[in-house]
Amino acid sequence: MEMTRLSLPAVCDLAATKPLAELLAALQTGHVELDGSGVERISTPGAQALAAARFAYASKGFQLTISEPSEAMVLALVELGLGAAVLEDRAL
């Protein structure tokens, strides 16, 4: 099965959440890898959208992974208590 690869926006805030969630929902037909290397800031809604998308993908038997998360992204996710839900490659 092919994997779709996309880059996350530099700012994953409330304004970016709806288009990102819509795109990820449309791609729930296979595995998706999101490049997080360019993320400069991620807010609570952005982190929640990624966590929800990971669980949605897992419920359909697909993987949604974050590759190369930036330091800013990792720190924000850990501070929000969503690091494991968004970043870890584990069975959900």
Foldseek 3Di string as FASTA:
>chain_A
DDEAEEEDDQEQEPVNLVVVLVVLVVVLPAEYEYEQQNHNYHDPSSLVSQLVSQVVSLVVVHGYAYPNHHPNRQVRCVVVVNNCSRHDPDRD
